């Protein structure tokens, strides 16, 4: 029984180190590693901390020398294409807002025009005066 338990622990440690190595090499990010190894992101961060602490305790060069510190990992810089897309979308939003303002003004203008015409002429413009009764009545 002890050997089976030892084998499971070795497999666990091996998969933990494999996951951390893939993250440090840039093959996986935290979310991808969590999905691939069926873990939570918190567990992934815990495993990374364990492997890095183990490397420091053994006076090994850190495997994450190319990886930024944990606090900086979550910061993403916008890609130039993304900033161009954002600018294009912002311009489109502004154009749509102008068009909406014009449409609202036009609707208000026509509603006011109808109301004033009805008051001055005394005719109900919006209501059809010669409607036929429906056949169902």
C-alpha atoms as a PDB file:
ATOM      1  CA  UNK A   1       0.000   0.000   0.000  1.00  0.00           C
ATOM      2  CA  UNK A   2       2.811   2.386   0.773  1.00  0.00           C
ATOM      3  CA  UNK A   3       4.253   1.980  -2.705  1.00  0.00           C
ATOM      4  CA  UNK A   4       0.934   2.862  -4.339  1.00  0.00           C
ATOM      5  CA  UNK A   5       0.710   5.992  -2.235  1.00  0.00           C
ATOM      6  CA  UNK A   6       4.301   6.893  -3.112  1.00  0.00           C
ATOM      7  CA  UNK A   7       3.570   6.447  -6.813  1.00  0.00           C
ATOM      8  CA  UNK A   8       0.564   8.749  -6.589  1.00  0.00           C
ATOM      9  CA  UNK A   9       2.605  11.402  -4.788  1.00  0.00           C
ATOM     10  CA  UNK A  10       5.372  11.158  -7.395  1.00  0.00           C
ATOM     11  CA  UNK A  11       2.842  11.536 -10.194  1.00  0.00           C
ATOM     12  CA  UNK A  12       1.311  14.523  -8.408  1.00  0.00           C
ATOM     13  CA  UNK A  13       4.700  16.204  -7.937  1.00  0.00           C
ATOM     14  CA  UNK A  14       5.662  15.479 -11.536  1.00  0.00           C
ATOM     15  CA  UNK A  15       2.475  16.980 -12.943  1.00  0.00           C
ATOM     16  CA  UNK A  16       2.876  19.984 -10.627  1.00  0.00           C
ATOM     17  CA  UNK A  17       6.420  20.646 -11.871  1.00  0.00           C
ATOM     18  CA  UNK A  18       5.388  20.051 -15.483  1.00  0.00           C
ATOM     19  CA  UNK A  19       2.580  22.581 -15.171  1.00  0.00           C
ATOM     20  CA  UNK A  20       4.822  25.208 -13.572  1.00  0.00           C
ATOM     21  CA  UNK A  21       7.478  24.654 -16.241  1.00  0.00           C
ATOM     22  CA  UNK A  22       4.921  25.141 -19.024  1.00  0.00           C
ATOM     23  CA  UNK A  23       3.722  28.348 -17.393  1.00  0.00           C
ATOM     24  CA  UNK A  24       7.264  29.684 -17.023  1.00  0.00           C
ATOM     25  CA  UNK A  25       8.078  28.816 -20.619  1.00  0.00           C
ATOM     26  CA  UNK A  26       5.041  30.762 -21.749  1.00  0.00           C
ATOM     27  CA  UNK A  27       3.241  27.775 -23.216  1.00  0.00           C
ATOM     28  CA  UNK A  28       0.309  28.192 -20.834  1.00  0.00           C
ATOM     29  CA  UNK A  29      -1.206  30.997 -18.856  1.00  0.00           C
ATOM     30  CA  UNK A  30      -2.845  30.496 -15.469  1.00  0.00           C
ATOM     31  CA  UNK A  31      -6.347  29.918 -16.830  1.00  0.00           C
ATOM     32  CA  UNK A  32      -5.121  27.474 -19.476  1.00  0.00           C
ATOM     33  CA  UNK A  33      -3.084  25.555 -16.906  1.00  0.00           C
ATOM     34  CA  UNK A  34      -6.080  25.365 -14.592  1.00  0.00           C
ATOM     35  CA  UNK A  35      -8.208  23.960 -17.399  1.00  0.00           C
ATOM     36  CA  UNK A  36      -5.566  21.528 -18.650  1.00  0.00           C
ATOM     37  CA  UNK A  37      -4.733  20.093 -15.222  1.00  0.00           C
ATOM     38  CA  UNK A  38      -8.334  20.375 -13.944  1.00  0.00           C
ATOM     39  CA  UNK A  39      -7.480  22.700 -11.060  1.00  0.00           C
ATOM     40  CA  UNK A  40      -8.622  26.039  -9.779  1.00  0.00           C
ATOM     41  CA  UNK A  41      -6.542  29.115 -10.543  1.00  0.00           C
ATOM     42  CA  UNK A  42      -5.858  29.485  -6.831  1.00  0.00           C
ATOM     43  CA  UNK A  43      -4.352  25.985  -6.772  1.00  0.00           C
ATOM     44  CA  UNK A  44      -2.241  26.809  -9.822  1.00  0.00           C
ATOM     45  CA  UNK A  45      -0.860  29.895  -8.058  1.00  0.00           C
ATOM     46  CA  UNK A  46      -0.224  27.771  -4.947  1.00  0.00           C
ATOM     47  CA  UNK A  47       1.708  25.191  -6.960  1.00  0.00           C
ATOM     48  CA  UNK A  48       3.773  27.921  -8.614  1.00  0.00           C
ATOM     49  CA  UNK A  49       4.632  29.337  -5.197  1.00  0.00           C
ATOM     50  CA  UNK A  50       5.554  25.855  -3.908  1.00  0.00           C
ATOM     51  CA  UNK A  51       7.854  25.074  -6.823  1.00  0.00           C
ATOM     52  CA  UNK A  52       9.527  28.492  -6.638  1.00  0.00           C
ATOM     53  CA  UNK A  53      10.002  28.173  -2.863  1.00  0.00           C
ATOM     54  CA  UNK A  54      11.444  24.701  -3.354  1.00  0.00           C
ATOM     55  CA  UNK A  55      13.877  26.040  -5.955  1.00  0.00           C
ATOM     56  CA  UNK A  56      14.967  28.832  -3.602  1.00  0.00           C
ATOM     57  CA  UNK A  57      15.421  26.371  -0.733  1.00  0.00           C
ATOM     58  CA  UNK A  58      17.627  24.157  -2.892  1.00  0.00           C
ATOM     59  CA  UNK A  59      19.617  27.216  -4.027  1.00  0.00           C
ATOM     60  CA  UNK A  60      18.740  26.468  -7.608  1.00  0.00           C
ATOM     61  CA  UNK A  61      18.448  29.256 -10.116  1.00  0.00           C
ATOM     62  CA  UNK A  62      14.792  30.167 -10.287  1.00  0.00           C
ATOM     63  CA  UNK A  63      13.022  28.597 -13.210  1.00  0.00           C
ATOM     64  CA  UNK A  64      10.968  31.735 -13.478  1.00  0.00           C
ATOM     65  CA  UNK A  65      13.851  34.093 -14.149  1.00  0.00           C
ATOM     66  CA  UNK A  66      12.194  35.067 -17.407  1.00  0.00           C
ATOM     67  CA  UNK A  67       8.783  35.336 -15.794  1.00  0.00           C
ATOM     68  CA  UNK A  68       7.865  38.613 -14.131  1.00  0.00           C
ATOM     69  CA  UNK A  69       6.984  38.715 -10.430  1.00  0.00           C
ATOM     70  CA  UNK A  70       3.538  37.517  -9.467  1.00  0.00           C
ATOM     71  CA  UNK A  71       2.070  40.992  -9.093  1.00  0.00           C
ATOM     72  CA  UNK A  72       3.171  41.952 -12.596  1.00  0.00           C
ATOM     73  CA  UNK A  73       1.897  38.790 -14.293  1.00  0.00           C
ATOM     74  CA  UNK A  74      -1.665  40.009 -14.294  1.00  0.00           C
ATOM     75  CA  UNK A  75      -0.899  43.286 -16.047  1.00  0.00           C
ATOM     76  CA  UNK A  76      -1.481  43.158 -19.774  1.00  0.00           C
ATOM     77  CA  UNK A  77      -0.385  45.748 -22.247  1.00  0.00           C
ATOM     78  CA  UNK A  78      -2.693  46.588 -25.119  1.00  0.00           C
ATOM     79  CA  UNK A  79      -1.524  45.401 -28.482  1.00  0.00           C
ATOM     80  CA  UNK A  80      -1.275  48.172 -31.116  1.00  0.00           C
ATOM     81  CA  UNK A  81      -3.980  46.471 -33.168  1.00  0.00           C
ATOM     82  CA  UNK A  82      -6.265  46.513 -30.158  1.00  0.00           C
ATOM     83  CA  UNK A  83      -5.725  50.225 -29.588  1.00  0.00           C
ATOM     84  CA  UNK A  84      -6.518  50.920 -33.250  1.00  0.00           C
ATOM     85  CA  UNK A  85      -9.664  48.838 -32.933  1.00  0.00           C
ATOM     86  CA  UNK A  86     -10.628  50.715 -29.774  1.00  0.00           C
ATOM     87  CA  UNK A  87     -10.135  54.043 -31.536  1.00  0.00           C
ATOM     88  CA  UNK A  88     -12.229  52.878 -34.487  1.00  0.00           C
ATOM     89  CA  UNK A  89     -15.013  51.695 -32.191  1.00  0.00           C
ATOM     90  CA  UNK A  90     -14.909  54.951 -30.231  1.00  0.00           C
ATOM     91  CA  UNK A  91     -15.250  56.938 -33.449  1.00  0.00           C
ATOM     92  CA  UNK A  92     -18.158  54.734 -34.512  1.00  0.00           C
ATOM     93  CA  UNK A  93     -19.880  55.248 -31.150  1.00  0.00           C
ATOM     94  CA  UNK A  94     -19.518  59.013 -31.467  1.00  0.00           C
ATOM     95  CA  UNK A  95     -20.950  58.945 -34.997  1.00  0.00           C
ATOM     96  CA  UNK A  96     -23.894  56.831 -33.824  1.00  0.00           C
ATOM     97  CA  UNK A  97     -24.543  59.195 -30.917  1.00  0.00           C
ATOM     98  CA  UNK A  98     -24.665  62.143 -33.335  1.00  0.00           C
ATOM     99  CA  UNK A  99     -27.053  60.231 -35.610  1.00  0.00           C
ATOM    100  CA  UNK A 100     -29.238  59.330 -32.628  1.00  0.00           C
ATOM    101  CA  UNK A 101     -29.364  62.954 -31.521  1.00  0.00           C
ATOM    102  CA  UNK A 102     -30.423  64.011 -35.027  1.00  0.00           C
ATOM    103  CA  UNK A 103     -33.102  61.301 -35.156  1.00  0.00           C
ATOM    104  CA  UNK A 104     -34.463  62.307 -31.743  1.00  0.00           C
ATOM    105  CA  UNK A 105     -34.566  65.952 -32.814  1.00  0.00           C
ATOM    106  CA  UNK A 106     -36.339  65.018 -36.055  1.00  0.00           C
ATOM    107  CA  UNK A 107     -38.938  62.964 -34.159  1.00  0.00           C
ATOM    108  CA  UNK A 108     -39.538  65.848 -31.754  1.00  0.00           C
ATOM    109  CA  UNK A 109     -39.815  68.266 -34.701  1.00  0.00           C
ATOM    110  CA  UNK A 110     -42.441  66.155 -36.482  1.00  0.00           C
ATOM    111  CA  UNK A 111     -44.440  65.567 -33.296  1.00  0.00           C
ATOM    112  CA  UNK A 112     -44.461  69.318 -32.600  1.00  0.00           C
ATOM    113  CA  UNK A 113     -45.365  70.076 -36.220  1.00  0.00           C
ATOM    114  CA  UNK A 114     -48.351  67.716 -36.063  1.00  0.00           C
ATOM    115  CA  UNK A 115     -49.529  69.104 -32.724  1.00  0.00           C
ATOM    116  CA  UNK A 116     -49.328  72.725 -33.914  1.00  0.00           C
ATOM    117  CA  UNK A 117     -51.041  71.893 -37.227  1.00  0.00           C
ATOM    118  CA  UNK A 118     -53.861  70.103 -35.415  1.00  0.00           C
ATOM    119  CA  UNK A 119     -54.345  73.073 -33.067  1.00  0.00           C
ATOM    120  CA  UNK A 120     -54.290  75.711 -35.804  1.00  0.00           C
ATOM    121  CA  UNK A 121     -56.301  73.841 -38.419  1.00  0.00           C
ATOM    122  CA  UNK A 122     -58.595  71.993 -36.048  1.00  0.00           C
ATOM    123  CA  UNK A 123     -58.103  68.755 -37.985  1.00  0.00           C
ATOM    124  CA  UNK A 124     -57.079  65.461 -36.437  1.00  0.00           C
ATOM    125  CA  UNK A 125     -54.099  64.686 -38.694  1.00  0.00           C
ATOM    126  CA  UNK A 126     -52.925  61.462 -37.102  1.00  0.00           C
ATOM    127  CA  UNK A 127     -56.335  59.822 -36.965  1.00  0.00           C
ATOM    128  CA  UNK A 128     -57.842  58.555 -40.191  1.00  0.00           C
ATOM    129  CA  UNK A 129     -61.333  59.991 -40.515  1.00  0.00           C
ATOM    130  CA  UNK A 130     -62.752  57.558 -43.057  1.00  0.00           C
ATOM    131  CA  UNK A 131     -61.913  54.209 -41.538  1.00  0.00           C
ATOM    132  CA  UNK A 132     -64.100  51.287 -42.442  1.00  0.00           C
ATOM    133  CA  UNK A 133     -65.485  49.127 -39.651  1.00  0.00           C
ATOM    134  CA  UNK A 134     -63.879  45.734 -39.433  1.00  0.00           C
ATOM    135  CA  UNK A 135     -65.749  42.690 -40.712  1.00  0.00           C
ATOM    136  CA  UNK A 136     -65.574  40.930 -37.355  1.00  0.00           C
ATOM    137  CA  UNK A 137     -67.902  43.438 -35.624  1.00  0.00           C
END
